[in-house]
Amino acid sequence: MNVVWTPLAEARVRQFIRSMRADRTGAAWRWVQGLLARIRGVARYPQSGHAVRELESARGHAHSSQTGEIYFDPCRVIYRIEARRIVILTVRTAGAHRKSARYVERPRGARPAAPGRS
């Protein structure tokens, strides 16, 4: 299936990248590559995502099969399944606004915190 991005979704991804680049450019690049790989997986298996909770409660269960979402820390990617394509509708922050352990890089020589410590 083809993947099409809405202008809103593209703008939101750019915002995530800008925020990550303030910390480390390499981390932002790796995050984008991971996000695109995850979306390629959705294009192969569109029904693998979760039902969008906002739409499910607002419209009922019947419409939830047409939209889906995947989580890619620190965001949710919401998409619509059409006959021959997947439309990425938007990208939203998932949960609390926090830095993701997935893209935060430790300084050279730094050791990870012990379990239970941040």
C-alpha atoms as a PDB file:
ATOM      1  CA  MET A   1       0.000   0.000   0.000  1.00  0.00           C
ATOM      2  CA  ASN A   2       1.090   3.547  -0.642  1.00  0.00           C
ATOM      3  CA  VAL A   3       1.575   5.913   2.278  1.00  0.00           C
ATOM      4  CA  VAL A   4       0.388   9.525   2.027  1.00  0.00           C
ATOM      5  CA  TRP A   5       1.114  12.176   4.672  1.00  0.00           C
ATOM      6  CA  THR A   6      -1.210  15.086   5.393  1.00  0.00           C
ATOM      7  CA  PRO A   7       0.434  18.512   5.768  1.00  0.00           C
ATOM      8  CA  LEU A   8      -0.510  18.471   9.464  1.00  0.00           C
ATOM      9  CA  ALA A   9       1.278  15.159  10.048  1.00  0.00           C
ATOM     10  CA  GLU A  10       4.404  16.413   8.252  1.00  0.00           C
ATOM     11  CA  ALA A  11       4.408  19.612  10.302  1.00  0.00           C
ATOM     12  CA  ARG A  12       4.077  17.708  13.562  1.00  0.00           C
ATOM     13  CA  VAL A  13       6.980  15.392  12.688  1.00  0.00           C
ATOM     14  CA  ARG A  14       9.090  18.470  11.895  1.00  0.00           C
ATOM     15  CA  GLN A  15       8.260  19.823  15.374  1.00  0.00           C
ATOM     16  CA  PHE A  16       9.435  16.586  17.004  1.00  0.00           C
ATOM     17  CA  ILE A  17      12.641  16.704  14.963  1.00  0.00           C
ATOM     18  CA  ARG A  18      13.330  20.335  15.917  1.00  0.00           C
ATOM     19  CA  SER A  19      12.897  19.520  19.583  1.00  0.00           C
ATOM     20  CA  MET A  20      15.258  16.520  19.321  1.00  0.00           C
ATOM     21  CA  ARG A  21      17.858  18.417  17.304  1.00  0.00           C
ATOM     22  CA  ALA A  22      18.182  20.867  20.172  1.00  0.00           C
ATOM     23  CA  ASP A  23      19.671  17.948  22.132  1.00  0.00           C
ATOM     24  CA  ARG A  24      21.460  15.833  19.534  1.00  0.00           C
ATOM     25  CA  THR A  25      21.223  15.904  15.741  1.00  0.00           C
ATOM     26  CA  GLY A  26      22.119  12.225  15.382  1.00  0.00           C
ATOM     27  CA  ALA A  27      19.324  11.186  17.703  1.00  0.00           C
ATOM     28  CA  ALA A  28      16.757  13.075  15.616  1.00  0.00           C
ATOM     29  CA  TRP A  29      17.973  11.372  12.440  1.00  0.00           C
ATOM     30  CA  ARG A  30      17.788   7.906  14.036  1.00  0.00           C
ATOM     31  CA  TRP A  31      14.293   8.656  15.383  1.00  0.00           C
ATOM     32  CA  VAL A  32      13.025   9.645  11.917  1.00  0.00           C
ATOM     33  CA  GLN A  33      14.528   6.511  10.370  1.00  0.00           C
ATOM     34  CA  GLY A  34      12.844   4.369  13.016  1.00  0.00           C
ATOM     35  CA  LEU A  35       9.518   6.143  12.529  1.00  0.00           C
ATOM     36  CA  LEU A  36       9.625   5.614   8.759  1.00  0.00           C
ATOM     37  CA  ALA A  37      10.475   1.933   9.224  1.00  0.00           C
ATOM     38  CA  ARG A  38       7.533   1.546  11.593  1.00  0.00           C
ATOM     39  CA  ILE A  39       5.203   3.201   9.066  1.00  0.00           C
ATOM     40  CA  ARG A  40       6.457   0.867   6.319  1.00  0.00           C
ATOM     41  CA  GLY A  41       5.368  -1.977   8.594  1.00  0.00           C
ATOM     42  CA  VAL A  42       1.918  -0.425   8.912  1.00  0.00           C
ATOM     43  CA  ALA A  43       1.706  -0.162   5.113  1.00  0.00           C
ATOM     44  CA  ARG A  44       2.290  -3.918   4.908  1.00  0.00           C
ATOM     45  CA  TYR A  45      -0.098  -4.789   7.772  1.00  0.00           C
ATOM     46  CA  PRO A  46      -2.583  -1.900   8.153  1.00  0.00           C
ATOM     47  CA  GLN A  47      -4.829  -3.734  10.622  1.00  0.00           C
ATOM     48  CA  SER A  48      -1.909  -4.219  13.028  1.00  0.00           C
ATOM     49  CA  GLY A  49      -2.476  -0.839  14.695  1.00  0.00           C
ATOM     50  CA  HIS A  50      -4.753  -0.076  17.624  1.00  0.00           C
ATOM     51  CA  ALA A  51      -8.194   1.508  17.429  1.00  0.00           C
ATOM     52  CA  VAL A  52      -8.060   5.269  18.036  1.00  0.00           C
ATOM     53  CA  ARG A  53      -9.668   5.733  21.445  1.00  0.00           C
ATOM     54  CA  GLU A  54     -11.023   9.230  20.736  1.00  0.00           C
ATOM     55  CA  LEU A  55     -12.760   8.101  17.555  1.00  0.00           C
ATOM     56  CA  GLU A  56     -13.954   4.825  19.017  1.00  0.00           C
ATOM     57  CA  SER A  57     -15.756   6.527  21.904  1.00  0.00           C
ATOM     58  CA  ALA A  58     -17.124   9.374  19.735  1.00  0.00           C
ATOM     59  CA  ARG A  59     -18.399   7.330  16.774  1.00  0.00           C
ATOM     60  CA  GLY A  60     -18.852   3.850  18.123  1.00  0.00           C
ATOM     61  CA  HIS A  61     -17.021   0.645  17.310  1.00  0.00           C
ATOM     62  CA  ALA A  62     -18.128   0.440  13.636  1.00  0.00           C
ATOM     63  CA  HIS A  63     -15.793   3.208  12.418  1.00  0.00           C
ATOM     64  CA  SER A  64     -12.728   2.180  14.402  1.00  0.00           C
ATOM     65  CA  SER A  65     -11.675  -0.347  11.714  1.00  0.00           C
ATOM     66  CA  GLN A  66     -11.082   2.489   9.225  1.00  0.00           C
ATOM     67  CA  THR A  67      -8.619   4.354  11.429  1.00  0.00           C
ATOM     68  CA  GLY A  68      -5.733   3.143  13.480  1.00  0.00           C
ATOM     69  CA  GLU A  69      -2.820   4.310  15.535  1.00  0.00           C
ATOM     70  CA  ILE A  70       0.633   3.116  16.354  1.00  0.00           C
ATOM     71  CA  TYR A  71       2.910   4.285  19.106  1.00  0.00           C
ATOM     72  CA  PHE A  72       6.459   5.310  18.386  1.00  0.00           C
ATOM     73  CA  ASP A  73       7.883   6.920  21.488  1.00  0.00           C
ATOM     74  CA  PRO A  74       7.284   9.778  22.221  1.00  0.00           C
ATOM     75  CA  CYS A  75       4.325  10.017  19.854  1.00  0.00           C
ATOM     76  CA  ARG A  76       1.191   8.431  18.445  1.00  0.00           C
ATOM     77  CA  VAL A  77       0.768   8.167  14.689  1.00  0.00           C
ATOM     78  CA  ILE A  78      -2.903   8.244  13.672  1.00  0.00           C
ATOM     79  CA  TYR A  79      -3.759   6.963  10.200  1.00  0.00           C
ATOM     80  CA  ARG A  80      -6.734   6.138   7.996  1.00  0.00           C
ATOM     81  CA  ILE A  81      -6.947   2.945   5.960  1.00  0.00           C
ATOM     82  CA  GLU A  82      -8.263   3.447   2.434  1.00  0.00           C
ATOM     83  CA  ALA A  83      -8.649   1.004  -0.439  1.00  0.00           C
ATOM     84  CA  ARG A  84      -5.160   1.427  -1.882  1.00  0.00           C
ATOM     85  CA  ARG A  85      -3.342   3.652   0.563  1.00  0.00           C
ATOM     86  CA  ILE A  86      -2.658   4.569   4.161  1.00  0.00           C
ATOM     87  CA  VAL A  87      -3.129   8.254   5.005  1.00  0.00           C
ATOM     88  CA  ILE A  88      -1.068   9.508   7.952  1.00  0.00           C
ATOM     89  CA  LEU A  89      -3.523  11.975   9.482  1.00  0.00           C
ATOM     90  CA  THR A  90      -1.551  13.371  12.403  1.00  0.00           C
ATOM     91  CA  VAL A  91       1.219  12.722  14.880  1.00  0.00           C
ATOM     92  CA  ARG A  92       0.521  13.526  18.528  1.00  0.00           C
ATOM     93  CA  THR A  93       2.497  13.432  21.723  1.00  0.00           C
ATOM     94  CA  ALA A  94       1.794  10.239  23.634  1.00  0.00           C
ATOM     95  CA  GLY A  95       1.118  10.825  27.306  1.00  0.00           C
ATOM     96  CA  ALA A  96       3.116  13.307  29.330  1.00  0.00           C
ATOM     97  CA  HIS A  97       5.548  15.624  27.617  1.00  0.00           C
ATOM     98  CA  ARG A  98       8.852  13.955  28.321  1.00  0.00           C
ATOM     99  CA  LYS A  99      12.058  13.113  26.597  1.00  0.00           C
ATOM    100  CA  SER A 100      12.100   9.613  25.202  1.00  0.00           C
ATOM    101  CA  ALA A 101      14.758   7.159  26.297  1.00  0.00           C
ATOM    102  CA  ARG A 102      14.708   5.971  22.679  1.00  0.00           C
ATOM    103  CA  TYR A 103      16.334   9.123  21.330  1.00  0.00           C
ATOM    104  CA  VAL A 104      18.170  10.588  24.316  1.00  0.00           C
ATOM    105  CA  GLU A 105      21.890  10.033  24.067  1.00  0.00           C
ATOM    106  CA  ARG A 106      24.087   9.771  27.123  1.00  0.00           C
ATOM    107  CA  PRO A 107      27.335  11.744  27.120  1.00  0.00           C
ATOM    108  CA  ARG A 108      30.419   9.725  26.255  1.00  0.00           C
ATOM    109  CA  GLY A 109      31.619   7.708  29.197  1.00  0.00           C
ATOM    110  CA  ALA A 110      28.343   8.048  31.101  1.00  0.00           C
ATOM    111  CA  ARG A 111      26.898   4.875  32.555  1.00  0.00           C
ATOM    112  CA  PRO A 112      23.203   4.077  32.652  1.00  0.00           C
ATOM    113  CA  ALA A 113      21.390   4.719  35.934  1.00  0.00           C
ATOM    114  CA  ALA A 114      20.814   1.788  38.236  1.00  0.00           C
ATOM    115  CA  PRO A 115      17.360   0.204  38.063  1.00  0.00           C
ATOM    116  CA  GLY A 116      14.812   2.267  39.942  1.00  0.00           C
ATOM    117  CA  ARG A 117      16.823   5.489  39.600  1.00  0.00           C
ATOM    118  CA  SER A 118      16.521   8.185  36.978  1.00  0.00           C
END
